[in-house]
N, C-alpha and C. Protein backbone atom coordinates (compact mmCIF):
# COMPACT_ATOMS: atom_id res chain seq x y z
N MET A 1 -11.01 18.42 -1.97
CA MET A 1 -11.66 17.54 -2.93
C MET A 1 -12.51 18.38 -3.88
N GLN A 2 -12.59 17.89 -5.10
CA GLN A 2 -13.33 18.63 -6.11
C GLN A 2 -13.94 17.65 -7.12
N PHE A 3 -15.13 17.98 -7.61
CA PHE A 3 -15.74 17.18 -8.67
C PHE A 3 -15.05 17.51 -9.99
N ALA A 4 -14.88 16.48 -10.84
CA ALA A 4 -14.32 16.69 -12.16
C ALA A 4 -14.89 15.64 -13.10
N ARG A 5 -14.84 15.93 -14.38
CA ARG A 5 -15.29 15.01 -15.42
C ARG A 5 -14.06 14.53 -16.18
N VAL A 6 -13.93 13.22 -16.39
CA VAL A 6 -12.82 12.70 -17.19
C VAL A 6 -13.12 13.01 -18.64
N VAL A 7 -12.23 13.77 -19.27
CA VAL A 7 -12.48 14.21 -20.65
C VAL A 7 -11.48 13.64 -21.66
N GLY A 8 -10.51 12.87 -21.20
CA GLY A 8 -9.56 12.30 -22.15
C GLY A 8 -8.43 11.54 -21.47
N ASN A 9 -7.56 11.00 -22.29
CA ASN A 9 -6.39 10.25 -21.84
C ASN A 9 -5.13 11.03 -22.15
N VAL A 10 -4.10 10.79 -21.36
CA VAL A 10 -2.78 11.37 -21.62
C VAL A 10 -1.81 10.20 -21.76
N VAL A 11 -1.14 10.11 -22.90
CA VAL A 11 -0.21 9.02 -23.15
C VAL A 11 1.21 9.59 -23.17
N CYS A 12 2.06 9.00 -22.36
CA CYS A 12 3.47 9.42 -22.29
C CYS A 12 4.34 8.18 -22.46
N THR A 13 5.09 8.11 -23.54
CA THR A 13 5.94 6.95 -23.75
C THR A 13 7.19 7.01 -22.87
N ARG A 14 7.56 8.20 -22.44
CA ARG A 14 8.70 8.37 -21.53
C ARG A 14 8.24 9.20 -20.34
N LYS A 15 8.45 8.67 -19.14
CA LYS A 15 8.10 9.41 -17.93
C LYS A 15 8.97 8.92 -16.78
N ASP A 16 8.95 9.64 -15.68
CA ASP A 16 9.71 9.28 -14.50
C ASP A 16 9.41 7.83 -14.12
N GLU A 17 10.44 7.13 -13.71
CA GLU A 17 10.27 5.70 -13.39
C GLU A 17 9.25 5.45 -12.28
N LYS A 18 9.03 6.42 -11.39
CA LYS A 18 8.04 6.26 -10.34
C LYS A 18 6.61 6.28 -10.89
N LEU A 19 6.44 6.79 -12.12
CA LEU A 19 5.12 6.86 -12.73
C LEU A 19 4.87 5.78 -13.77
N VAL A 20 5.85 4.93 -14.02
CA VAL A 20 5.67 3.84 -14.98
C VAL A 20 4.54 2.95 -14.48
N GLY A 21 3.61 2.65 -15.35
CA GLY A 21 2.46 1.82 -15.01
C GLY A 21 1.25 2.60 -14.50
N THR A 22 1.38 3.92 -14.35
CA THR A 22 0.23 4.71 -13.93
C THR A 22 -0.57 5.15 -15.14
N LYS A 23 -1.85 5.29 -14.93
CA LYS A 23 -2.76 5.78 -15.97
C LYS A 23 -2.98 7.27 -15.74
N LEU A 24 -2.71 8.07 -16.77
CA LEU A 24 -2.90 9.51 -16.68
C LEU A 24 -4.14 9.90 -17.48
N LEU A 25 -5.02 10.68 -16.86
CA LEU A 25 -6.25 11.10 -17.50
C LEU A 25 -6.37 12.62 -17.48
N LEU A 26 -7.09 13.15 -18.45
CA LEU A 26 -7.38 14.57 -18.52
C LEU A 26 -8.73 14.78 -17.85
N VAL A 27 -8.77 15.68 -16.86
CA VAL A 27 -10.01 15.95 -16.14
C VAL A 27 -10.33 17.43 -16.17
N GLN A 28 -11.63 17.74 -16.20
CA GLN A 28 -12.10 19.13 -16.17
C GLN A 28 -12.97 19.32 -14.94
N PRO A 29 -12.62 20.25 -14.06
CA PRO A 29 -13.48 20.51 -12.90
C PRO A 29 -14.91 20.87 -13.35
N VAL A 30 -15.89 20.36 -12.59
CA VAL A 30 -17.31 20.59 -12.89
C VAL A 30 -18.04 20.94 -11.60
N ASP A 31 -19.33 21.28 -11.72
CA ASP A 31 -20.12 21.59 -10.53
C ASP A 31 -20.62 20.31 -9.87
N ILE A 32 -21.36 20.46 -8.80
CA ILE A 32 -21.82 19.34 -8.00
C ILE A 32 -22.74 18.39 -8.76
N SER A 33 -23.39 18.86 -9.82
CA SER A 33 -24.27 18.00 -10.60
C SER A 33 -23.56 17.36 -11.80
N GLY A 34 -22.26 17.65 -11.94
CA GLY A 34 -21.50 17.06 -13.04
C GLY A 34 -21.49 17.90 -14.30
N LYS A 35 -22.09 19.10 -14.24
CA LYS A 35 -22.14 19.97 -15.41
C LYS A 35 -20.94 20.92 -15.43
N PRO A 36 -20.51 21.32 -16.61
CA PRO A 36 -19.37 22.27 -16.69
C PRO A 36 -19.66 23.52 -15.88
N LEU A 37 -18.62 24.03 -15.27
CA LEU A 37 -18.75 25.24 -14.48
C LEU A 37 -19.02 26.44 -15.37
N GLY A 38 -19.81 27.41 -14.87
CA GLY A 38 -20.08 28.63 -15.63
C GLY A 38 -18.79 29.36 -15.96
N ASN A 39 -17.92 29.47 -15.00
CA ASN A 39 -16.59 30.03 -15.19
C ASN A 39 -15.59 28.91 -14.95
N PRO A 40 -15.20 28.20 -16.01
CA PRO A 40 -14.27 27.08 -15.81
C PRO A 40 -13.03 27.53 -15.04
N LYS A 41 -12.60 26.67 -14.16
CA LYS A 41 -11.42 26.98 -13.35
C LYS A 41 -10.17 26.64 -14.14
N GLY A 42 -10.01 27.29 -15.27
CA GLY A 42 -8.81 27.09 -16.07
C GLY A 42 -8.90 25.89 -16.99
N PRO A 43 -7.78 25.57 -17.57
CA PRO A 43 -7.73 24.45 -18.52
C PRO A 43 -7.87 23.11 -17.81
N PRO A 44 -8.11 22.05 -18.57
CA PRO A 44 -8.19 20.72 -17.95
C PRO A 44 -6.89 20.39 -17.21
N LEU A 45 -6.98 19.46 -16.28
CA LEU A 45 -5.83 19.03 -15.47
C LEU A 45 -5.45 17.61 -15.85
N VAL A 46 -4.20 17.27 -15.64
CA VAL A 46 -3.74 15.89 -15.81
C VAL A 46 -3.75 15.26 -14.42
N ALA A 47 -4.40 14.10 -14.30
CA ALA A 47 -4.51 13.43 -13.00
C ALA A 47 -4.10 11.97 -13.11
N VAL A 48 -3.47 11.48 -12.06
CA VAL A 48 -3.18 10.05 -11.96
C VAL A 48 -4.48 9.37 -11.54
N ASP A 49 -4.83 8.30 -12.25
CA ASP A 49 -6.05 7.56 -11.94
C ASP A 49 -5.72 6.45 -10.94
N ALA A 50 -6.15 6.61 -9.70
CA ALA A 50 -5.87 5.63 -8.66
C ALA A 50 -7.00 4.62 -8.48
N VAL A 51 -8.09 4.75 -9.26
CA VAL A 51 -9.26 3.90 -9.02
C VAL A 51 -9.83 3.22 -10.26
N GLY A 52 -9.22 3.39 -11.42
CA GLY A 52 -9.72 2.73 -12.62
C GLY A 52 -10.92 3.41 -13.26
N SER A 53 -10.92 4.73 -13.26
CA SER A 53 -12.03 5.46 -13.87
C SER A 53 -11.86 5.52 -15.38
N GLY A 54 -12.88 6.03 -16.06
CA GLY A 54 -12.82 6.10 -17.51
C GLY A 54 -13.41 7.37 -18.06
N GLU A 55 -13.21 7.58 -19.34
CA GLU A 55 -13.67 8.79 -20.00
C GLU A 55 -15.18 8.98 -19.82
N GLY A 56 -15.56 10.22 -19.50
CA GLY A 56 -16.96 10.58 -19.32
C GLY A 56 -17.45 10.46 -17.89
N GLU A 57 -16.72 9.79 -17.02
CA GLU A 57 -17.20 9.58 -15.65
C GLU A 57 -17.00 10.83 -14.79
N LEU A 58 -17.91 10.99 -13.83
CA LEU A 58 -17.79 12.02 -12.81
C LEU A 58 -16.93 11.44 -11.70
N VAL A 59 -15.87 12.16 -11.33
CA VAL A 59 -14.92 11.66 -10.35
C VAL A 59 -14.64 12.72 -9.29
N LEU A 60 -13.98 12.31 -8.23
CA LEU A 60 -13.48 13.24 -7.23
C LEU A 60 -11.96 13.29 -7.36
N ILE A 61 -11.42 14.49 -7.33
CA ILE A 61 -9.98 14.66 -7.43
C ILE A 61 -9.47 15.42 -6.20
N VAL A 62 -8.20 15.23 -5.93
CA VAL A 62 -7.49 16.02 -4.92
C VAL A 62 -6.22 16.53 -5.57
N GLN A 63 -5.76 17.68 -5.09
CA GLN A 63 -4.55 18.28 -5.64
C GLN A 63 -3.58 18.60 -4.51
N GLY A 64 -2.36 18.90 -4.90
CA GLY A 64 -1.33 19.25 -3.93
C GLY A 64 -0.86 18.03 -3.15
N SER A 65 -0.46 18.25 -1.89
CA SER A 65 0.09 17.15 -1.09
C SER A 65 -0.92 16.03 -0.88
N SER A 66 -2.20 16.33 -0.88
CA SER A 66 -3.22 15.28 -0.73
C SER A 66 -3.20 14.29 -1.89
N ALA A 67 -2.75 14.73 -3.05
CA ALA A 67 -2.69 13.86 -4.23
C ALA A 67 -1.67 12.74 -4.06
N ARG A 68 -0.79 12.88 -3.10
CA ARG A 68 0.24 11.86 -2.87
C ARG A 68 -0.10 10.96 -1.68
N GLN A 69 -1.37 10.90 -1.31
CA GLN A 69 -1.77 10.12 -0.14
C GLN A 69 -2.38 8.77 -0.49
N THR A 70 -2.43 8.39 -1.76
CA THR A 70 -2.96 7.06 -2.11
C THR A 70 -1.81 6.07 -2.17
N ARG A 71 -2.14 4.80 -2.11
CA ARG A 71 -1.11 3.76 -2.19
C ARG A 71 -0.30 3.88 -3.49
N GLN A 72 -0.98 4.23 -4.56
CA GLN A 72 -0.34 4.31 -5.88
C GLN A 72 0.53 5.56 -6.05
N THR A 73 0.20 6.62 -5.34
CA THR A 73 0.91 7.89 -5.57
C THR A 73 1.87 8.27 -4.44
N ASP A 74 1.92 7.50 -3.36
CA ASP A 74 2.75 7.82 -2.21
C ASP A 74 4.22 8.00 -2.62
N GLY A 75 4.75 9.18 -2.35
CA GLY A 75 6.15 9.46 -2.66
C GLY A 75 6.45 9.73 -4.11
N ASN A 76 5.43 9.87 -4.93
CA ASN A 76 5.63 10.10 -6.37
C ASN A 76 5.39 11.56 -6.75
N PRO A 77 5.95 11.99 -7.87
CA PRO A 77 5.79 13.38 -8.31
C PRO A 77 4.40 13.62 -8.92
N VAL A 78 3.40 13.76 -8.05
CA VAL A 78 2.01 13.86 -8.47
C VAL A 78 1.38 15.09 -7.83
N ASP A 79 0.57 15.82 -8.62
CA ASP A 79 -0.11 17.00 -8.09
C ASP A 79 -1.63 16.91 -8.20
N CYS A 80 -2.14 15.88 -8.88
CA CYS A 80 -3.60 15.71 -9.02
C CYS A 80 -3.89 14.22 -9.14
N THR A 81 -4.81 13.74 -8.31
CA THR A 81 -5.16 12.31 -8.31
C THR A 81 -6.66 12.13 -8.31
N ILE A 82 -7.12 11.19 -9.14
CA ILE A 82 -8.52 10.74 -9.09
C ILE A 82 -8.57 9.66 -8.02
N PHE A 83 -9.38 9.88 -6.97
CA PHE A 83 -9.42 8.91 -5.88
C PHE A 83 -10.79 8.26 -5.71
N ALA A 84 -11.79 8.70 -6.49
CA ALA A 84 -13.13 8.10 -6.38
C ALA A 84 -13.93 8.35 -7.65
N VAL A 85 -14.79 7.39 -7.99
CA VAL A 85 -15.76 7.55 -9.06
C VAL A 85 -17.11 7.77 -8.37
N VAL A 86 -17.82 8.84 -8.76
CA VAL A 86 -19.06 9.22 -8.10
C VAL A 86 -20.23 8.41 -8.65
N ASP A 87 -20.98 7.79 -7.74
CA ASP A 87 -22.19 7.04 -8.12
C ASP A 87 -23.44 7.91 -7.96
N ALA A 88 -23.47 8.71 -6.89
CA ALA A 88 -24.63 9.56 -6.64
C ALA A 88 -24.24 10.71 -5.72
N VAL A 89 -24.98 11.82 -5.86
CA VAL A 89 -24.83 12.97 -4.98
C VAL A 89 -26.22 13.38 -4.54
N GLU A 90 -26.40 13.52 -3.23
CA GLU A 90 -27.68 13.98 -2.68
C GLU A 90 -27.43 15.22 -1.84
N ARG A 91 -28.37 16.14 -1.90
CA ARG A 91 -28.31 17.34 -1.07
C ARG A 91 -29.70 17.59 -0.52
N GLU A 92 -29.79 17.72 0.79
CA GLU A 92 -31.06 17.97 1.47
C GLU A 92 -32.14 16.98 1.04
N GLY A 93 -31.74 15.71 0.93
CA GLY A 93 -32.69 14.66 0.58
C GLY A 93 -33.06 14.56 -0.89
N LYS A 94 -32.49 15.42 -1.72
CA LYS A 94 -32.79 15.39 -3.15
C LYS A 94 -31.57 14.92 -3.94
N GLU A 95 -31.83 14.07 -4.91
CA GLU A 95 -30.76 13.57 -5.76
C GLU A 95 -30.33 14.65 -6.75
N ILE A 96 -29.06 14.99 -6.72
CA ILE A 96 -28.52 16.01 -7.62
C ILE A 96 -27.83 15.35 -8.81
N PHE A 97 -27.22 14.19 -8.55
CA PHE A 97 -26.51 13.47 -9.61
C PHE A 97 -26.68 11.98 -9.38
N SER A 98 -26.89 11.25 -10.47
CA SER A 98 -26.94 9.79 -10.43
C SER A 98 -26.17 9.25 -11.63
N LYS A 99 -25.21 8.40 -11.37
CA LYS A 99 -24.41 7.83 -12.46
C LYS A 99 -25.29 7.07 -13.44
N SER A 100 -26.32 6.42 -12.94
CA SER A 100 -27.19 5.63 -13.82
C SER A 100 -28.01 6.50 -14.77
N ARG A 101 -28.18 7.79 -14.45
CA ARG A 101 -28.93 8.69 -15.33
C ARG A 101 -28.06 9.77 -15.96
N ASP A 102 -26.75 9.60 -15.85
CA ASP A 102 -25.83 10.61 -16.36
C ASP A 102 -25.52 10.38 -17.83
N PHE A 103 -26.00 11.29 -18.66
CA PHE A 103 -25.73 11.19 -20.09
C PHE A 103 -24.80 12.29 -20.57
N SER A 104 -24.53 13.28 -19.73
CA SER A 104 -23.71 14.42 -20.14
C SER A 104 -22.25 14.04 -20.38
N GLY A 105 -21.78 12.98 -19.74
CA GLY A 105 -20.39 12.60 -19.91
C GLY A 105 -20.15 11.57 -20.98
N ARG A 106 -21.21 11.04 -21.54
CA ARG A 106 -21.05 9.99 -22.56
C ARG A 106 -21.03 10.59 -23.94
N SER A 107 -20.19 10.03 -24.77
CA SER A 107 -20.15 10.50 -26.16
C SER A 107 -21.36 9.97 -26.91
N SER A 108 -21.72 10.63 -27.99
CA SER A 108 -22.90 10.23 -28.77
C SER A 108 -22.49 9.42 -29.99
N GLU A 109 -21.62 8.43 -29.76
CA GLU A 109 -21.16 7.59 -30.87
C GLU A 109 -22.19 6.52 -31.21
């Protein structure tokens, strides 16, 4: 499992029939507080959204065979899945991240 920030949408008008109806999102791995990593782990990833997340949200992703363990992705050609939207992260009794106070993922429109 890894923290990631939803940074965009991926639209495919043609895709494998097993993926028809799935929402594809662009995610960027981030640190435990939701901030970009000092050394980004490569380019953004394309992930199947199994939980209805949206742009700017802090999410948890899984990759590899674990990405095919959700009801939506079982048996499908998937290598990265969003399986949770993060509401809060605490470490040693201290709040590290709170969705209600997260402004880093929201656009300034």
